[in-house]
Amino acid sequence: ANRDGIGCRVTVSAGGRRQIRELHGAAGHAGHQNPAELSFALGTAEKIDLIEIRWTSKARGVTQHRDLPAGHAITIQEGDPPGVDLVPLQPRK
């Protein structure tokens, strides 16, 4: 099982822009690992029109999530149905 989603391809569409990232294994130094996560710059977009995930599992295929709020850390877990957690980000000063 690939519970961290390593190798999946994520496409985010927001504010008329489309961005694509692939999730690679966590990297680290001296036994400490950085989290396996992706970041997307949304500019002034107030919402994410679409997040599309192409999972490495052929059984799972592709999942789509629409109309999610910008300004949040979003965790999407593979499953049926997939789990989606939203945590508001603190504004930068």
N, C-alpha and C. Protein backbone atom coordinates (compact mmCIF):
# COMPACT_ATOMS: atom_id res chain seq x y z
N ALA A 1 0.84 -1.20 0.00
CA ALA A 1 0.00 0.00 0.00
C ALA A 1 0.88 1.24 0.00
N ASN A 2 0.39 2.28 -0.65
CA ASN A 2 1.11 3.55 -0.78
C ASN A 2 0.32 4.62 -0.07
N ARG A 3 0.28 4.57 1.25
CA ARG A 3 -0.59 5.46 2.02
C ARG A 3 -0.19 6.93 1.96
N ASP A 4 1.05 7.23 1.54
CA ASP A 4 1.49 8.62 1.45
C ASP A 4 1.25 9.21 0.06
N GLY A 5 0.78 8.41 -0.87
CA GLY A 5 0.49 8.92 -2.22
C GLY A 5 1.73 9.19 -3.05
N ILE A 6 2.87 8.60 -2.69
CA ILE A 6 4.10 8.84 -3.42
C ILE A 6 3.92 8.42 -4.88
N GLY A 7 4.29 9.31 -5.79
CA GLY A 7 4.18 9.05 -7.21
C GLY A 7 2.91 9.56 -7.85
N CYS A 8 1.96 10.04 -7.05
CA CYS A 8 0.72 10.54 -7.66
C CYS A 8 0.98 11.91 -8.32
N ARG A 9 0.14 12.24 -9.29
CA ARG A 9 0.23 13.52 -9.99
C ARG A 9 -1.00 14.33 -9.62
N VAL A 10 -0.78 15.58 -9.16
CA VAL A 10 -1.86 16.44 -8.70
C VAL A 10 -1.93 17.67 -9.60
N THR A 11 -3.12 17.93 -10.12
CA THR A 11 -3.37 19.12 -10.93
C THR A 11 -4.35 20.01 -10.18
N VAL A 12 -3.98 21.28 -10.01
CA VAL A 12 -4.83 22.25 -9.33
C VAL A 12 -5.19 23.34 -10.31
N SER A 13 -6.50 23.62 -10.45
CA SER A 13 -6.99 24.70 -11.30
C SER A 13 -7.66 25.74 -10.41
N ALA A 14 -7.17 26.99 -10.49
CA ALA A 14 -7.73 28.08 -9.68
C ALA A 14 -7.39 29.41 -10.34
N GLY A 15 -8.35 30.32 -10.36
CA GLY A 15 -8.10 31.66 -10.89
C GLY A 15 -7.66 31.67 -12.34
N GLY A 16 -8.13 30.70 -13.13
CA GLY A 16 -7.78 30.65 -14.54
C GLY A 16 -6.40 30.06 -14.81
N ARG A 17 -5.72 29.56 -13.78
CA ARG A 17 -4.40 28.94 -13.95
C ARG A 17 -4.47 27.46 -13.60
N ARG A 18 -3.61 26.69 -14.24
CA ARG A 18 -3.52 25.26 -13.95
C ARG A 18 -2.07 24.93 -13.58
N GLN A 19 -1.89 24.23 -12.46
CA GLN A 19 -0.56 23.85 -12.00
C GLN A 19 -0.53 22.34 -11.78
N ILE A 20 0.59 21.73 -12.12
CA ILE A 20 0.74 20.28 -11.99
C ILE A 20 1.99 19.98 -11.16
N ARG A 21 1.85 19.07 -10.20
CA ARG A 21 2.97 18.63 -9.38
C ARG A 21 2.89 17.11 -9.20
N GLU A 22 4.05 16.51 -9.01
CA GLU A 22 4.11 15.08 -8.65
C GLU A 22 4.66 14.96 -7.25
N LEU A 23 4.09 14.04 -6.49
CA LEU A 23 4.53 13.84 -5.11
C LEU A 23 5.65 12.82 -5.09
N HIS A 24 6.82 13.27 -4.63
CA HIS A 24 7.99 12.41 -4.52
C HIS A 24 8.18 12.03 -3.07
N GLY A 25 8.99 11.04 -2.83
CA GLY A 25 9.26 10.60 -1.46
C GLY A 25 9.85 11.73 -0.63
N ALA A 26 9.58 11.68 0.66
CA ALA A 26 10.08 12.71 1.57
C ALA A 26 11.61 12.66 1.61
N ALA A 27 12.21 13.83 1.64
CA ALA A 27 13.67 13.93 1.75
C ALA A 27 14.02 14.45 3.13
N GLY A 28 15.20 14.15 3.56
CA GLY A 28 15.59 14.62 4.88
C GLY A 28 17.08 14.53 5.08
N HIS A 29 17.51 14.87 6.29
CA HIS A 29 18.93 14.87 6.63
C HIS A 29 19.09 14.39 8.06
N ALA A 30 20.10 13.58 8.29
CA ALA A 30 20.44 13.11 9.64
C ALA A 30 19.27 12.41 10.33
N GLY A 31 18.54 11.60 9.57
CA GLY A 31 17.46 10.83 10.17
C GLY A 31 16.14 11.55 10.31
N HIS A 32 16.09 12.83 9.93
CA HIS A 32 14.84 13.60 10.01
C HIS A 32 14.26 13.71 8.60
N GLN A 33 12.98 13.46 8.46
CA GLN A 33 12.36 13.54 7.15
C GLN A 33 11.41 14.72 7.08
N ASN A 34 11.43 15.38 5.93
CA ASN A 34 10.45 16.43 5.66
C ASN A 34 9.15 15.75 5.26
N PRO A 35 8.01 16.39 5.53
CA PRO A 35 6.74 15.76 5.16
C PRO A 35 6.58 15.66 3.64
N ALA A 36 5.88 14.63 3.19
CA ALA A 36 5.55 14.49 1.77
C ALA A 36 4.32 15.33 1.51
N GLU A 37 4.54 16.53 0.98
CA GLU A 37 3.42 17.45 0.71
C GLU A 37 3.72 18.27 -0.52
N LEU A 38 2.67 18.84 -1.10
CA LEU A 38 2.79 19.70 -2.27
C LEU A 38 2.23 21.08 -1.93
N SER A 39 2.83 22.12 -2.51
CA SER A 39 2.33 23.49 -2.31
C SER A 39 1.98 24.09 -3.66
N PHE A 40 0.91 24.86 -3.68
CA PHE A 40 0.47 25.53 -4.90
C PHE A 40 0.21 27.00 -4.58
N ALA A 41 0.74 27.90 -5.41
CA ALA A 41 0.50 29.34 -5.25
C ALA A 41 -0.77 29.68 -6.01
N LEU A 42 -1.75 30.24 -5.29
CA LEU A 42 -3.06 30.52 -5.91
C LEU A 42 -3.27 31.98 -6.23
N GLY A 43 -2.31 32.84 -5.88
CA GLY A 43 -2.47 34.27 -6.16
C GLY A 43 -3.68 34.82 -5.44
N THR A 44 -4.52 35.53 -6.16
CA THR A 44 -5.70 36.17 -5.56
C THR A 44 -6.96 35.29 -5.64
N ALA A 45 -6.82 34.06 -6.13
CA ALA A 45 -7.99 33.18 -6.24
C ALA A 45 -8.58 32.93 -4.86
N GLU A 46 -9.90 33.01 -4.77
CA GLU A 46 -10.59 32.78 -3.50
C GLU A 46 -11.02 31.33 -3.32
N LYS A 47 -10.97 30.57 -4.42
CA LYS A 47 -11.33 29.15 -4.32
C LYS A 47 -10.52 28.36 -5.32
N ILE A 48 -10.46 27.07 -5.07
CA ILE A 48 -9.84 26.13 -5.99
C ILE A 48 -10.97 25.53 -6.81
N ASP A 49 -10.92 25.72 -8.10
CA ASP A 49 -11.97 25.20 -8.96
C ASP A 49 -11.93 23.67 -9.01
N LEU A 50 -10.72 23.12 -9.11
CA LEU A 50 -10.59 21.67 -9.26
C LEU A 50 -9.24 21.20 -8.76
N ILE A 51 -9.25 20.13 -7.97
CA ILE A 51 -8.04 19.36 -7.67
C ILE A 51 -8.27 17.98 -8.26
N GLU A 52 -7.36 17.57 -9.14
CA GLU A 52 -7.45 16.25 -9.75
C GLU A 52 -6.21 15.47 -9.35
N ILE A 53 -6.42 14.27 -8.82
CA ILE A 53 -5.32 13.43 -8.38
C ILE A 53 -5.31 12.15 -9.21
N ARG A 54 -4.18 11.89 -9.86
CA ARG A 54 -3.97 10.63 -10.57
C ARG A 54 -3.12 9.76 -9.64
N TRP A 55 -3.80 8.83 -9.00
CA TRP A 55 -3.14 7.94 -8.04
C TRP A 55 -2.28 6.92 -8.76
N THR A 56 -1.30 6.38 -8.06
CA THR A 56 -0.45 5.35 -8.66
C THR A 56 -1.19 4.02 -8.73
N SER A 57 -2.19 3.84 -7.89
CA SER A 57 -2.98 2.61 -7.88
C SER A 57 -3.95 2.60 -9.05
N LYS A 58 -3.85 1.59 -9.89
CA LYS A 58 -4.79 1.48 -11.02
C LYS A 58 -6.22 1.32 -10.54
N ALA A 59 -6.40 0.68 -9.39
CA ALA A 59 -7.75 0.47 -8.85
C ALA A 59 -8.39 1.80 -8.48
N ARG A 60 -7.60 2.75 -8.02
CA ARG A 60 -8.12 4.04 -7.58
C ARG A 60 -8.28 5.00 -8.75
N GLY A 61 -7.35 4.95 -9.71
CA GLY A 61 -7.45 5.79 -10.90
C GLY A 61 -7.30 7.27 -10.60
N VAL A 62 -8.36 8.02 -10.88
CA VAL A 62 -8.34 9.49 -10.75
C VAL A 62 -9.48 9.92 -9.83
N THR A 63 -9.18 10.85 -8.91
CA THR A 63 -10.24 11.46 -8.11
C THR A 63 -10.24 12.95 -8.38
N GLN A 64 -11.42 13.56 -8.31
CA GLN A 64 -11.58 15.00 -8.52
C GLN A 64 -12.31 15.61 -7.33
N HIS A 65 -11.86 16.80 -6.95
CA HIS A 65 -12.47 17.54 -5.84
C HIS A 65 -12.68 18.96 -6.34
N ARG A 66 -13.92 19.44 -6.24
CA ARG A 66 -14.27 20.74 -6.82
C ARG A 66 -14.67 21.75 -5.75
N ASP A 67 -14.44 23.02 -6.09
CA ASP A 67 -14.90 24.16 -5.29
C ASP A 67 -14.45 24.11 -3.84
N LEU A 68 -13.14 23.98 -3.64
CA LEU A 68 -12.57 24.00 -2.29
C LEU A 68 -12.05 25.41 -2.00
N PRO A 69 -12.08 25.84 -0.73
CA PRO A 69 -11.64 27.20 -0.41
C PRO A 69 -10.13 27.36 -0.52
N ALA A 70 -9.69 28.53 -0.99
CA ALA A 70 -8.27 28.87 -0.97
C ALA A 70 -7.88 29.22 0.46
N GLY A 71 -6.58 29.33 0.71
CA GLY A 71 -6.13 29.72 2.05
C GLY A 71 -6.23 28.62 3.08
N HIS A 72 -6.22 27.37 2.64
CA HIS A 72 -6.32 26.23 3.54
C HIS A 72 -5.24 25.20 3.22
N ALA A 73 -4.79 24.48 4.22
CA ALA A 73 -4.01 23.27 3.99
C ALA A 73 -5.04 22.17 3.75
N ILE A 74 -4.90 21.48 2.66
CA ILE A 74 -5.88 20.46 2.28
C ILE A 74 -5.18 19.11 2.26
N THR A 75 -5.72 18.18 3.00
CA THR A 75 -5.21 16.81 3.02
C THR A 75 -6.26 15.92 2.38
N ILE A 76 -5.85 15.20 1.35
CA ILE A 76 -6.76 14.29 0.67
C ILE A 76 -6.21 12.88 0.82
N GLN A 77 -7.02 11.99 1.35
CA GLN A 77 -6.61 10.61 1.57
C GLN A 77 -7.29 9.71 0.56
N GLU A 78 -6.50 8.82 -0.01
CA GLU A 78 -7.04 7.85 -0.97
C GLU A 78 -8.01 6.93 -0.25
N GLY A 79 -9.10 6.63 -0.88
CA GLY A 79 -10.09 5.74 -0.29
C GLY A 79 -11.39 5.82 -1.05
N ASP A 80 -12.40 5.15 -0.57
CA ASP A 80 -13.70 5.18 -1.22
C ASP A 80 -14.77 5.39 -0.17
N PRO A 81 -15.26 6.60 0.03
CA PRO A 81 -14.85 7.81 -0.68
C PRO A 81 -13.54 8.35 -0.11
N PRO A 82 -12.83 9.20 -0.91
CA PRO A 82 -11.59 9.78 -0.40
C PRO A 82 -11.88 10.75 0.74
N GLY A 83 -10.98 10.78 1.72
CA GLY A 83 -11.13 11.71 2.84
C GLY A 83 -10.53 13.06 2.49
N VAL A 84 -11.21 14.15 2.86
CA VAL A 84 -10.73 15.50 2.60
C VAL A 84 -10.79 16.28 3.91
N ASP A 85 -9.62 16.78 4.36
CA ASP A 85 -9.55 17.61 5.56
C ASP A 85 -9.07 19.00 5.18
N LEU A 86 -9.73 20.04 5.72
CA LEU A 86 -9.36 21.43 5.46
C LEU A 86 -8.93 22.10 6.76
N VAL A 87 -7.78 22.75 6.75
CA VAL A 87 -7.30 23.48 7.92
C VAL A 87 -6.94 24.89 7.45
N PRO A 88 -7.60 25.93 7.99
CA PRO A 88 -7.28 27.30 7.55
C PRO A 88 -5.83 27.65 7.84
N LEU A 89 -5.18 28.32 6.89
CA LEU A 89 -3.82 28.79 7.08
C LEU A 89 -3.84 30.16 7.75
N GLN A 90 -2.82 30.44 8.52
CA GLN A 90 -2.70 31.76 9.15
C GLN A 90 -2.20 32.75 8.09
N PRO A 91 -2.80 33.95 8.04
CA PRO A 91 -2.33 34.94 7.05
C PRO A 91 -0.90 35.35 7.35
N ARG A 92 -0.14 35.61 6.28
CA ARG A 92 1.23 36.07 6.43
C ARG A 92 1.23 37.53 6.85
N LYS A 93 2.20 37.88 7.69
CA LYS A 93 2.29 39.28 8.14
C LYS A 93 3.35 40.01 7.38
